[in-house]
Amino acid sequence: MPTSQLRVDAGLVRGLLQAQQPQLADQSVTPVGDGWVNHVFRLGREYAVRLPRRDEAAELMAKEQQWLPQLTAGLATATSVPIYCGVPQEPYPYPWSISSWYDGLDVSLQPRDRNVTLAAPLAAFLNAFHKPAPPDYPRNPAVGGPLASRDQAVQERLHSGMVPHAARVEELWAEALELPGWNSGPVWLHGDLHPANLISGSGTLQAVIDFGDLTAGDPAADLAAAWLVFDAAGRHAFRTSLDGQYDADPAIWLRARGWALCMASNLLAGAQRHPGLYLVGSETLMEILTDDLTWL
């Protein structure tokens, strides 16, 4: 976990609310944890306050504030779209946001075989969200481009000793690098669609959260959720629920598997940075290595 570049506590949050959103300032402010990117507080019963931890995270928050309101307008799936976009104010130098609070379960905390019920609603979200992006979409050096752009990073992880079955993983990665690329224009991407960024409730998908990696490009990066989120039954249901949207690109699912390998290796090699997601990386790798692809 990178060190936060300034002290953020409930008193600071309340001061920001009093100055910028006074109608909410008398509600309870409770810290609920620090993520890799943001400090998170629960505000009353209905809201979450997210405040960037450092300079780089502030850029991600500004990106969400600029793009998410228009991208999520009309979506049937709930998201962490900012309801209120806070601005820097002494002593806090970064943009910050208030979004809805969801009482459901972080999907990374539930058994993977339960996630089959999320397949149809997650597919519906992607079908609605993967729309053509304008030329000025926010670039992301790690997501959305060709898989070859991640080769050096993946190779370093595979030789770190932190990724099990590295020799077989390297073979699958080499196969992915030989695949043809995305054959159309860039579409909007969530960019980090792993289980901890999904909230389940009442047996379905309650919300998709954390769009800090928002970008555009090859939708295979988001379709990596087939292995990051689901078991074999879930993958079949997920692909079926996409209603053939990507059938014109015969290589897309194998590229998606390549993206899943990339993300799983990141979670495994970065265990100290992502301790809560190490299990997600381990389970994802096993799904990839044992998948016979008969669902394709």
Protein backbone atom coordinates (compact mmCIF):
# COMPACT_ATOMS: atom_id res chain seq x y z
CA MET A 1 0.00 0.00 0.00
CA PRO A 2 1.60 3.30 -1.02
CA THR A 3 1.80 5.86 1.75
CA SER A 4 -0.88 8.51 1.73
CA GLN A 5 0.65 11.90 1.03
CA LEU A 6 -1.41 13.65 3.70
CA ARG A 7 -3.49 12.91 6.78
CA VAL A 8 -7.15 12.27 6.02
CA ASP A 9 -9.59 11.70 8.87
CA ALA A 10 -13.27 12.21 9.65
CA GLY A 11 -12.60 15.78 10.80
CA LEU A 12 -11.09 16.74 7.46
CA VAL A 13 -13.98 15.13 5.60
CA ARG A 14 -16.52 16.99 7.72
CA GLY A 15 -14.73 20.27 7.04
CA LEU A 16 -14.94 19.66 3.30
CA LEU A 17 -18.64 18.85 3.62
CA GLN A 18 -19.37 21.94 5.68
CA ALA A 19 -17.77 24.14 3.06
CA GLN A 20 -18.98 22.45 -0.11
CA GLN A 21 -21.97 20.25 0.69
CA PRO A 22 -23.41 21.67 3.95
CA GLN A 23 -26.75 19.85 3.69
CA LEU A 24 -24.85 16.60 4.31
CA ALA A 25 -22.38 17.87 6.90
CA ASP A 26 -24.41 16.80 9.95
CA GLN A 27 -24.49 13.13 8.90
CA SER A 28 -22.15 10.58 10.46
CA VAL A 29 -18.69 10.22 8.87
CA THR A 30 -17.15 6.78 9.39
CA PRO A 31 -13.86 5.50 7.94
CA VAL A 32 -14.41 2.19 6.19
CA GLY A 33 -10.92 1.51 4.86
CA ASP A 34 -8.17 2.73 2.61
CA GLY A 35 -7.89 1.34 -0.87
CA TRP A 36 -4.86 1.35 -3.13
CA VAL A 37 -6.09 4.63 -4.61
CA ASN A 38 -8.57 6.30 -2.25
CA HIS A 39 -9.49 6.85 1.37
CA VAL A 40 -13.13 5.78 1.77
CA PHE A 41 -15.63 7.03 4.36
CA ARG A 42 -19.27 6.17 4.81
CA LEU A 43 -21.44 9.26 5.00
CA GLY A 44 -24.72 8.62 6.81
CA ARG A 45 -26.53 5.58 5.44
CA GLU A 46 -26.68 6.45 1.75
CA TYR A 47 -23.33 7.81 0.63
CA ALA A 48 -19.63 7.06 0.31
CA VAL A 49 -16.93 9.74 0.28
CA ARG A 50 -13.81 8.88 -1.73
CA LEU A 51 -10.67 10.96 -1.39
CA PRO A 52 -7.45 10.30 -3.35
CA ARG A 53 -4.43 9.23 -1.33
CA ARG A 54 -1.72 10.81 -3.50
CA ASP A 55 -1.01 12.87 -6.62
CA GLU A 56 -1.42 10.03 -9.14
CA ALA A 57 -4.72 8.98 -7.57
CA ALA A 58 -6.00 12.54 -7.85
CA GLU A 59 -5.63 12.29 -11.62
CA LEU A 60 -7.81 9.19 -11.62
CA MET A 61 -10.47 10.94 -9.54
CA ALA A 62 -10.48 13.92 -11.90
CA LYS A 63 -10.94 11.51 -14.82
CA GLU A 64 -13.95 9.88 -13.15
CA GLN A 65 -15.50 13.26 -12.44
CA GLN A 66 -15.07 14.39 -16.03
CA TRP A 67 -16.31 11.31 -17.85
CA LEU A 68 -18.48 9.07 -15.66
CA PRO A 69 -21.62 11.20 -15.36
CA GLN A 70 -22.16 11.18 -19.11
CA LEU A 71 -21.06 7.56 -19.58
CA THR A 72 -23.35 6.15 -16.89
CA ALA A 73 -26.41 8.25 -17.65
CA GLY A 74 -29.22 5.87 -18.54
CA LEU A 75 -27.38 2.70 -17.55
CA ALA A 76 -29.54 0.09 -15.86
CA THR A 77 -26.56 -0.97 -13.71
CA ALA A 78 -25.73 1.10 -10.64
CA THR A 79 -22.17 2.45 -10.45
CA SER A 80 -19.89 4.57 -8.28
CA VAL A 81 -20.53 7.61 -10.48
CA PRO A 82 -19.94 10.82 -8.51
CA ILE A 83 -23.15 12.35 -7.19
CA TYR A 84 -21.18 15.35 -6.05
CA CYS A 85 -17.75 16.35 -7.34
CA GLY A 86 -15.72 18.00 -4.61
CA VAL A 87 -12.94 20.41 -5.43
CA PRO A 88 -9.57 20.99 -3.73
CA GLN A 89 -9.78 23.11 -0.62
CA GLU A 90 -7.17 23.87 2.02
CA PRO A 91 -5.84 21.69 3.60
CA TYR A 92 -6.91 18.99 1.09
CA PRO A 93 -5.35 19.57 -2.37
CA TYR A 94 -7.20 17.01 -4.50
CA PRO A 95 -10.62 16.58 -6.12
CA TRP A 96 -12.88 14.23 -4.16
CA SER A 97 -16.28 12.66 -4.70
CA ILE A 98 -19.48 11.56 -3.02
CA SER A 99 -21.14 8.51 -4.53
CA SER A 100 -23.84 6.07 -3.49
CA TRP A 101 -23.13 3.57 -0.72
CA TYR A 102 -24.00 -0.05 -1.54
CA ASP A 103 -24.74 -2.47 1.31
CA GLY A 104 -24.10 -5.57 -0.78
CA LEU A 105 -21.08 -7.87 -0.69
CA ASP A 106 -17.73 -7.30 -2.37
CA VAL A 107 -17.77 -10.16 -4.89
CA SER A 108 -14.17 -11.11 -4.08
CA LEU A 109 -15.45 -12.23 -0.66
CA GLN A 110 -18.00 -14.76 -1.89
CA PRO A 111 -17.43 -18.26 -3.30
CA ARG A 112 -16.81 -18.16 -7.03
CA ASP A 113 -19.47 -20.73 -7.85
CA ARG A 114 -22.12 -18.25 -6.65
CA ASN A 115 -21.09 -15.72 -9.27
CA VAL A 116 -23.02 -17.42 -12.06
CA THR A 117 -26.01 -15.27 -11.06
CA LEU A 118 -23.93 -12.19 -11.90
CA ALA A 119 -23.18 -13.32 -15.46
CA ALA A 120 -26.28 -11.91 -17.16
CA PRO A 121 -26.30 -8.51 -15.39
CA LEU A 122 -22.54 -8.03 -15.88
CA ALA A 123 -22.91 -8.86 -19.56
CA ALA A 124 -25.78 -6.36 -19.80
CA PHE A 125 -23.57 -3.70 -18.21
CA LEU A 126 -20.77 -4.33 -20.71
CA ASN A 127 -23.13 -4.39 -23.68
CA ALA A 128 -24.36 -0.96 -22.63
CA PHE A 129 -20.98 0.48 -21.61
CA HIS A 130 -18.80 -0.73 -24.50
CA LYS A 131 -19.76 2.09 -26.82
CA PRO A 132 -17.44 3.83 -29.31
CA ALA A 133 -15.22 6.37 -27.58
CA PRO A 134 -14.38 9.85 -28.88
CA PRO A 135 -10.83 10.70 -30.02
CA ASP A 136 -10.06 12.50 -26.75
CA TYR A 137 -10.83 9.51 -24.50
CA PRO A 138 -8.50 9.25 -21.48
CA ARG A 139 -5.44 7.16 -22.27
CA ASN A 140 -4.27 4.40 -19.94
CA PRO A 141 -0.76 3.01 -20.55
CA ALA A 142 -1.64 -0.32 -18.90
CA VAL A 143 -5.08 -1.14 -20.35
CA GLY A 144 -6.84 -1.07 -23.69
CA GLY A 145 -3.91 -1.29 -26.08
CA PRO A 146 -2.30 -4.40 -27.58
CA LEU A 147 -1.29 -7.19 -25.24
CA ALA A 148 2.32 -6.73 -26.38
CA SER A 149 2.38 -3.44 -24.47
CA ARG A 150 2.28 -5.49 -21.24
CA ASP A 151 4.87 -8.07 -22.24
CA GLN A 152 7.78 -6.65 -20.24
CA ALA A 153 5.67 -6.34 -17.09
CA VAL A 154 4.29 -9.88 -17.42
CA GLN A 155 7.72 -11.36 -18.09
CA GLU A 156 9.11 -9.67 -14.98
CA ARG A 157 6.31 -11.12 -12.87
CA LEU A 158 6.76 -14.61 -14.30
CA HIS A 159 10.46 -14.52 -13.40
CA SER A 160 9.81 -13.11 -9.92
CA GLY A 161 9.07 -16.50 -8.40
CA MET A 162 5.67 -15.23 -7.22
CA VAL A 163 3.56 -16.71 -10.02
CA PRO A 164 2.84 -20.48 -9.76
CA HIS A 165 3.17 -22.67 -12.86
CA ALA A 166 5.18 -19.90 -14.50
CA ALA A 167 6.43 -22.06 -17.38
CA ARG A 168 2.90 -22.99 -18.49
CA VAL A 169 1.67 -19.45 -17.94
CA GLU A 170 4.51 -18.19 -20.14
CA GLU A 171 3.43 -20.57 -22.92
CA LEU A 172 -0.16 -19.30 -22.77
CA TRP A 173 1.06 -15.71 -22.68
CA ALA A 174 3.22 -16.29 -25.77
CA GLU A 175 0.18 -17.72 -27.57
CA ALA A 176 -1.84 -14.63 -26.65
CA LEU A 177 0.83 -12.31 -28.04
CA GLU A 178 0.52 -14.00 -31.45
CA LEU A 179 -3.22 -13.32 -31.74
CA PRO A 180 -4.59 -10.67 -34.10
CA GLY A 181 -5.57 -7.45 -32.36
CA TRP A 182 -8.95 -5.75 -31.98
CA ASN A 183 -10.40 -5.18 -35.44
CA SER A 184 -12.52 -2.11 -34.75
CA GLY A 185 -12.35 1.32 -33.12
CA PRO A 186 -11.78 1.88 -29.40
CA VAL A 187 -14.76 1.32 -27.10
CA TRP A 188 -15.13 2.55 -23.55
CA LEU A 189 -13.62 0.22 -20.93
CA HIS A 190 -13.97 -0.05 -17.18
CA GLY A 191 -10.34 -1.18 -17.25
CA ASP A 192 -10.16 -3.07 -13.93
CA LEU A 193 -13.10 -5.45 -13.87
CA HIS A 194 -12.06 -7.83 -11.09
CA PRO A 195 -14.37 -9.16 -8.34
CA ALA A 196 -13.49 -6.51 -5.74
CA ASN A 197 -14.91 -3.88 -8.09
CA LEU A 198 -18.28 -5.63 -8.23
CA ILE A 199 -20.94 -5.54 -5.52
CA SER A 200 -23.53 -8.29 -5.26
CA GLY A 201 -26.83 -8.15 -3.44
CA SER A 202 -29.98 -10.27 -3.38
CA GLY A 203 -28.36 -12.79 -5.69
CA THR A 204 -27.56 -10.36 -8.48
CA LEU A 205 -25.18 -7.58 -9.46
CA GLN A 206 -25.87 -4.55 -7.31
CA ALA A 207 -23.20 -2.19 -8.65
CA VAL A 208 -19.98 -1.80 -10.62
CA ILE A 209 -17.53 0.46 -8.81
CA ASP A 210 -14.08 2.08 -9.07
CA PHE A 211 -13.60 3.45 -12.57
CA GLY A 212 -10.15 4.89 -11.90
CA ASP A 213 -8.68 2.91 -14.83
CA LEU A 214 -11.37 4.17 -17.21
CA THR A 215 -10.11 4.25 -20.78
CA ALA A 216 -11.01 2.97 -24.25
CA GLY A 217 -9.64 0.33 -26.57
CA ASP A 218 -9.93 -3.42 -27.00
CA PRO A 219 -12.98 -4.79 -25.11
CA ALA A 220 -11.02 -7.99 -24.44
CA ALA A 221 -9.52 -6.20 -21.44
CA ASP A 222 -12.94 -6.12 -19.76
CA LEU A 223 -13.96 -9.55 -21.02
CA ALA A 224 -11.09 -10.90 -18.91
CA ALA A 225 -13.79 -10.93 -16.22
CA ALA A 226 -14.75 -14.33 -17.67
CA TRP A 227 -11.79 -15.78 -15.71
CA LEU A 228 -11.36 -13.12 -13.04
CA VAL A 229 -14.94 -13.42 -11.78
CA PHE A 230 -16.41 -16.74 -12.93
CA ASP A 231 -15.93 -20.48 -12.91
CA ALA A 232 -16.63 -22.59 -16.02
CA ALA A 233 -20.42 -22.45 -15.63
CA GLY A 234 -20.29 -18.71 -15.07
CA ARG A 235 -18.09 -18.16 -18.13
CA HIS A 236 -20.56 -20.00 -20.32
CA ALA A 237 -23.47 -17.96 -18.94
CA PHE A 238 -21.47 -14.74 -19.29
CA ARG A 239 -20.61 -15.31 -22.94
CA THR A 240 -24.15 -16.44 -23.79
CA SER A 241 -25.59 -13.31 -22.14
CA LEU A 242 -23.43 -11.02 -24.30
CA ASP A 243 -25.75 -11.96 -27.21
CA GLY A 244 -22.99 -12.33 -29.81
CA GLN A 245 -21.83 -8.72 -29.58
CA TYR A 246 -18.21 -9.76 -30.17
CA ASP A 247 -18.69 -12.67 -32.57
CA ALA A 248 -17.18 -10.68 -35.43
CA ASP A 249 -13.78 -10.93 -33.72
CA PRO A 250 -12.88 -14.64 -33.49
CA ALA A 251 -9.76 -13.99 -31.39
CA ILE A 252 -11.39 -11.81 -28.76
CA TRP A 253 -11.86 -14.48 -26.08
CA LEU A 254 -8.30 -15.77 -26.33
CA ARG A 255 -7.07 -12.17 -26.08
CA ALA A 256 -9.36 -11.79 -23.07
CA ARG A 257 -7.66 -14.83 -21.54
CA GLY A 258 -4.35 -13.09 -22.18
CA TRP A 259 -5.61 -10.02 -20.31
CA ALA A 260 -6.79 -12.27 -17.47
CA LEU A 261 -3.28 -13.75 -17.30
CA CYS A 262 -1.80 -10.28 -17.20
CA MET A 263 -4.09 -9.19 -14.37
CA ALA A 264 -3.73 -12.42 -12.39
CA SER A 265 0.07 -12.21 -12.60
CA ASN A 266 -0.12 -8.65 -11.31
CA LEU A 267 -2.18 -9.70 -8.30
CA LEU A 268 0.09 -12.65 -7.55
CA ALA A 269 3.43 -10.91 -7.99
CA GLY A 270 2.13 -7.86 -6.16
CA ALA A 271 0.92 -9.71 -3.07
CA GLN A 272 2.39 -7.06 -0.78
CA ARG A 273 0.61 -4.32 -2.72
CA HIS A 274 -2.70 -6.18 -3.07
CA PRO A 275 -2.87 -8.62 -0.12
CA GLY A 276 -6.65 -8.78 -0.19
CA LEU A 277 -6.65 -9.66 -3.88
CA TYR A 278 -3.99 -12.37 -3.82
CA LEU A 279 -6.70 -15.05 -3.62
CA VAL A 280 -8.44 -13.54 -6.65
CA GLY A 281 -5.19 -13.80 -8.58
CA SER A 282 -4.64 -17.40 -7.47
CA GLU A 283 -8.19 -18.51 -8.31
CA THR A 284 -8.06 -16.74 -11.66
CA LEU A 285 -4.83 -18.48 -12.59
CA MET A 286 -6.33 -21.88 -11.75
CA GLU A 287 -9.41 -21.09 -13.83
CA ILE A 288 -7.17 -20.27 -16.79
CA LEU A 289 -4.95 -23.32 -16.41
CA THR A 290 -7.84 -25.78 -16.06
CA ASP A 291 -10.17 -24.23 -18.66
CA ASP A 292 -10.74 -26.55 -21.64
CA LEU A 293 -12.46 -23.72 -23.57
CA THR A 294 -15.42 -25.93 -24.49
CA TRP A 295 -17.70 -23.01 -23.57
CA LEU A 296 -16.41 -20.98 -26.54
